[in-house]
Amino acid sequence: MNTIGKHTYPLKGFFLRLISFIIAWWAFTESDGRDAYVGAVVVLLATLISLYILPPHAWKWNVRAWFAFIPYFLGQSFLGGLDVARRAFQPRLPIQPEIKQYPLRLPPGLPAVVLAWTVSLLPGTASIELNGKELLVHVLNDDATFHNTMRQLEERVARLFGISLT
């Protein structure tokens, strides 16, 4: 176990992030080792800061769910882009912007953040505020399917983290 500030982390989490940042540095510098000492400092600082800002949790990552989520995520991103393009080229498109509240069943932390990020890629939606109990979402049209769509998305995100929703 290692300690940063008031948090204690397993070494596995530290080394996984360290290796990830080393790979990122190597890719960004195109494997040019001339400034390796700078890279070592930056990688170590990035690792420590990331552990402090986003402590590792004991989520049970579901690899199958992640592979199933990727096509869904890409598809929704594409549909969101089409929706924006359609609205840009058809300014008379009827819109009725509204702010909707969605009560969260996910626990606070990374799962709720992933949900908020993904919502912003759905066609006609953007996350506004995430607090521990609800997500505020700006919608371009008052669609009756909003809560059903959000519920399905929340269930997909829960599967990614091995969380059982009640």
Protein backbone atom coordinates (compact mmCIF):
# COMPACT_ATOMS: atom_id res chain seq x y z
CA MET A 1 0.00 0.00 0.00
CA ASN A 2 1.16 3.52 -0.68
CA THR A 3 -0.14 6.76 0.80
CA ILE A 4 -0.79 10.09 -0.91
CA GLY A 5 -2.16 12.77 1.37
CA LYS A 6 -4.88 11.15 3.44
CA HIS A 7 -5.56 8.38 0.90
CA THR A 8 -4.07 4.89 0.87
CA TYR A 9 -3.85 2.99 -2.42
CA PRO A 10 -2.81 -0.51 -3.42
CA LEU A 11 0.46 -0.57 -5.34
CA LYS A 12 -1.29 -2.26 -8.26
CA GLY A 13 -3.33 0.90 -8.92
CA PHE A 14 -0.21 3.04 -8.72
CA PHE A 15 1.72 0.87 -11.18
CA LEU A 16 -1.18 0.57 -13.64
CA ARG A 17 -1.45 4.34 -13.84
CA LEU A 18 2.32 4.78 -13.95
CA ILE A 19 2.59 2.37 -16.90
CA SER A 20 -0.33 4.10 -18.64
CA PHE A 21 1.33 7.50 -18.31
CA ILE A 22 4.69 6.10 -19.47
CA ILE A 23 3.02 4.70 -22.60
CA ALA A 24 1.23 8.02 -23.19
CA TRP A 25 4.50 9.98 -22.79
CA TRP A 26 6.28 7.57 -25.12
CA ALA A 27 3.53 7.99 -27.74
CA PHE A 28 3.37 11.80 -27.43
CA THR A 29 7.13 12.18 -27.78
CA GLU A 30 7.24 9.65 -30.64
CA SER A 31 9.61 7.47 -28.58
CA ASP A 32 12.27 10.18 -28.55
CA GLY A 33 14.32 9.51 -25.41
CA ARG A 34 16.29 12.77 -25.41
CA ASP A 35 14.19 14.29 -22.64
CA ALA A 36 13.66 11.14 -20.60
CA TYR A 37 14.44 12.91 -17.31
CA VAL A 38 11.65 15.44 -17.99
CA GLY A 39 9.35 12.58 -18.95
CA ALA A 40 10.14 10.72 -15.74
CA VAL A 41 9.23 13.75 -13.63
CA VAL A 42 6.06 14.50 -15.62
CA VAL A 43 4.94 10.86 -15.58
CA LEU A 44 5.50 10.54 -11.83
CA LEU A 45 3.68 13.81 -11.10
CA ALA A 46 0.82 12.88 -13.41
CA THR A 47 0.48 9.51 -11.69
CA LEU A 48 0.45 11.03 -8.19
CA ILE A 49 -1.97 13.80 -9.15
CA SER A 50 -4.32 11.34 -10.87
CA LEU A 51 -4.37 9.15 -7.76
CA TYR A 52 -5.19 12.17 -5.62
CA ILE A 53 -7.88 13.58 -7.93
CA LEU A 54 -9.50 10.28 -8.89
CA PRO A 55 -8.73 7.62 -6.30
CA PRO A 56 -9.01 4.04 -7.53
CA HIS A 57 -12.13 2.20 -6.50
CA ALA A 58 -12.91 -1.44 -6.13
CA TRP A 59 -15.14 -1.48 -9.21
CA LYS A 60 -15.53 -4.86 -10.80
CA TRP A 61 -14.79 -3.96 -14.42
CA ASN A 62 -16.92 -6.00 -16.79
CA VAL A 63 -14.82 -6.40 -19.94
CA ARG A 64 -17.70 -7.88 -21.98
CA ALA A 65 -19.91 -4.95 -21.06
CA TRP A 66 -17.16 -2.52 -22.16
CA PHE A 67 -16.89 -4.24 -25.54
CA ALA A 68 -20.68 -4.10 -25.89
CA PHE A 69 -20.70 -0.44 -24.83
CA ILE A 70 -18.15 0.70 -27.43
CA PRO A 71 -20.44 0.21 -30.48
CA TYR A 72 -23.32 1.79 -28.57
CA PHE A 73 -21.13 4.75 -27.59
CA LEU A 74 -19.82 5.21 -31.15
CA GLY A 75 -23.32 4.87 -32.61
CA GLN A 76 -24.77 7.44 -30.22
CA SER A 77 -21.86 9.79 -30.91
CA PHE A 78 -22.52 9.49 -34.64
CA LEU A 79 -26.27 10.10 -34.18
CA GLY A 80 -25.50 13.09 -31.96
CA GLY A 81 -23.26 14.53 -34.69
CA LEU A 82 -25.95 13.95 -37.33
CA ASP A 83 -28.50 15.66 -35.11
CA VAL A 84 -26.27 18.72 -34.73
CA ALA A 85 -25.58 18.84 -38.49
CA ARG A 86 -29.28 18.50 -39.29
CA ARG A 87 -30.14 21.36 -36.96
CA ALA A 88 -27.34 23.51 -38.40
CA PHE A 89 -28.60 23.09 -41.97
CA GLN A 90 -32.29 23.28 -41.06
CA PRO A 91 -32.58 26.22 -38.66
CA ARG A 92 -36.40 26.09 -38.76
CA LEU A 93 -36.33 22.73 -37.07
CA PRO A 94 -38.72 22.91 -34.15
CA ILE A 95 -36.99 22.87 -30.81
CA GLN A 96 -38.37 23.19 -27.32
CA PRO A 97 -35.33 23.40 -25.04
CA GLU A 98 -35.86 22.30 -21.50
CA ILE A 99 -33.86 21.23 -18.46
CA LYS A 100 -34.73 17.80 -17.17
CA GLN A 101 -33.85 16.24 -13.83
CA TYR A 102 -32.87 12.61 -13.80
CA PRO A 103 -32.63 10.90 -10.40
CA LEU A 104 -29.46 8.80 -10.26
CA ARG A 105 -29.33 5.20 -9.16
CA LEU A 106 -25.57 5.00 -9.79
CA PRO A 107 -23.24 5.72 -6.90
CA PRO A 108 -21.28 8.98 -6.97
CA GLY A 109 -17.86 8.91 -8.57
CA LEU A 110 -16.58 7.52 -11.84
CA PRO A 111 -19.76 5.61 -12.86
CA ALA A 112 -21.89 8.76 -12.53
CA VAL A 113 -19.25 10.80 -14.41
CA VAL A 114 -19.21 8.26 -17.28
CA LEU A 115 -23.01 8.53 -17.43
CA ALA A 116 -22.85 12.35 -17.57
CA TRP A 117 -20.21 12.30 -20.33
CA THR A 118 -22.18 9.78 -22.37
CA VAL A 119 -25.43 11.72 -22.02
CA SER A 120 -23.77 14.68 -23.69
CA LEU A 121 -23.20 12.52 -26.78
CA LEU A 122 -26.83 11.47 -27.10
CA PRO A 123 -28.73 13.34 -29.80
CA GLY A 124 -30.18 16.62 -28.49
CA THR A 125 -28.84 16.37 -24.94
CA ALA A 126 -26.10 17.88 -22.82
CA SER A 127 -25.27 17.25 -19.17
CA ILE A 128 -25.40 20.42 -17.11
CA GLU A 129 -24.85 19.46 -13.50
CA LEU A 130 -24.03 16.27 -11.69
CA ASN A 131 -24.54 16.05 -7.97
CA GLY A 132 -24.77 12.98 -5.80
CA LYS A 133 -28.48 12.42 -6.31
CA GLU A 134 -29.40 13.67 -9.77
CA LEU A 135 -28.18 14.69 -13.19
CA LEU A 136 -29.49 17.85 -14.81
CA VAL A 137 -29.73 17.49 -18.58
CA HIS A 138 -30.44 20.14 -21.22
CA VAL A 139 -32.66 18.68 -23.93
CA LEU A 140 -33.53 20.33 -27.24
CA ASN A 141 -36.98 18.76 -27.42
CA ASP A 142 -39.31 17.70 -24.64
CA ASP A 143 -39.30 14.05 -25.61
CA ALA A 144 -41.51 11.61 -23.73
CA THR A 145 -38.81 8.93 -24.06
CA PHE A 146 -36.18 10.91 -22.11
CA HIS A 147 -36.49 9.02 -18.81
CA ASN A 148 -36.64 5.63 -20.55
CA THR A 149 -33.52 6.44 -22.61
CA MET A 150 -31.71 7.66 -19.49
CA ARG A 151 -32.70 4.57 -17.54
CA GLN A 152 -31.36 2.27 -20.27
CA LEU A 153 -28.12 4.26 -20.48
CA GLU A 154 -27.70 4.16 -16.71
CA GLU A 155 -28.16 0.38 -16.76
CA ARG A 156 -25.49 0.06 -19.47
CA VAL A 157 -23.06 2.16 -17.42
CA ALA A 158 -23.85 0.12 -14.30
CA ARG A 159 -22.93 -3.08 -16.19
CA LEU A 160 -19.57 -1.52 -17.15
CA PHE A 161 -18.67 -1.22 -13.48
CA GLY A 162 -20.37 -4.38 -12.24
CA ILE A 163 -22.91 -2.37 -10.24
CA SER A 164 -26.35 -3.67 -9.39
CA LEU A 165 -29.00 -0.93 -9.58
CA THR A 166 -31.98 -1.00 -7.29
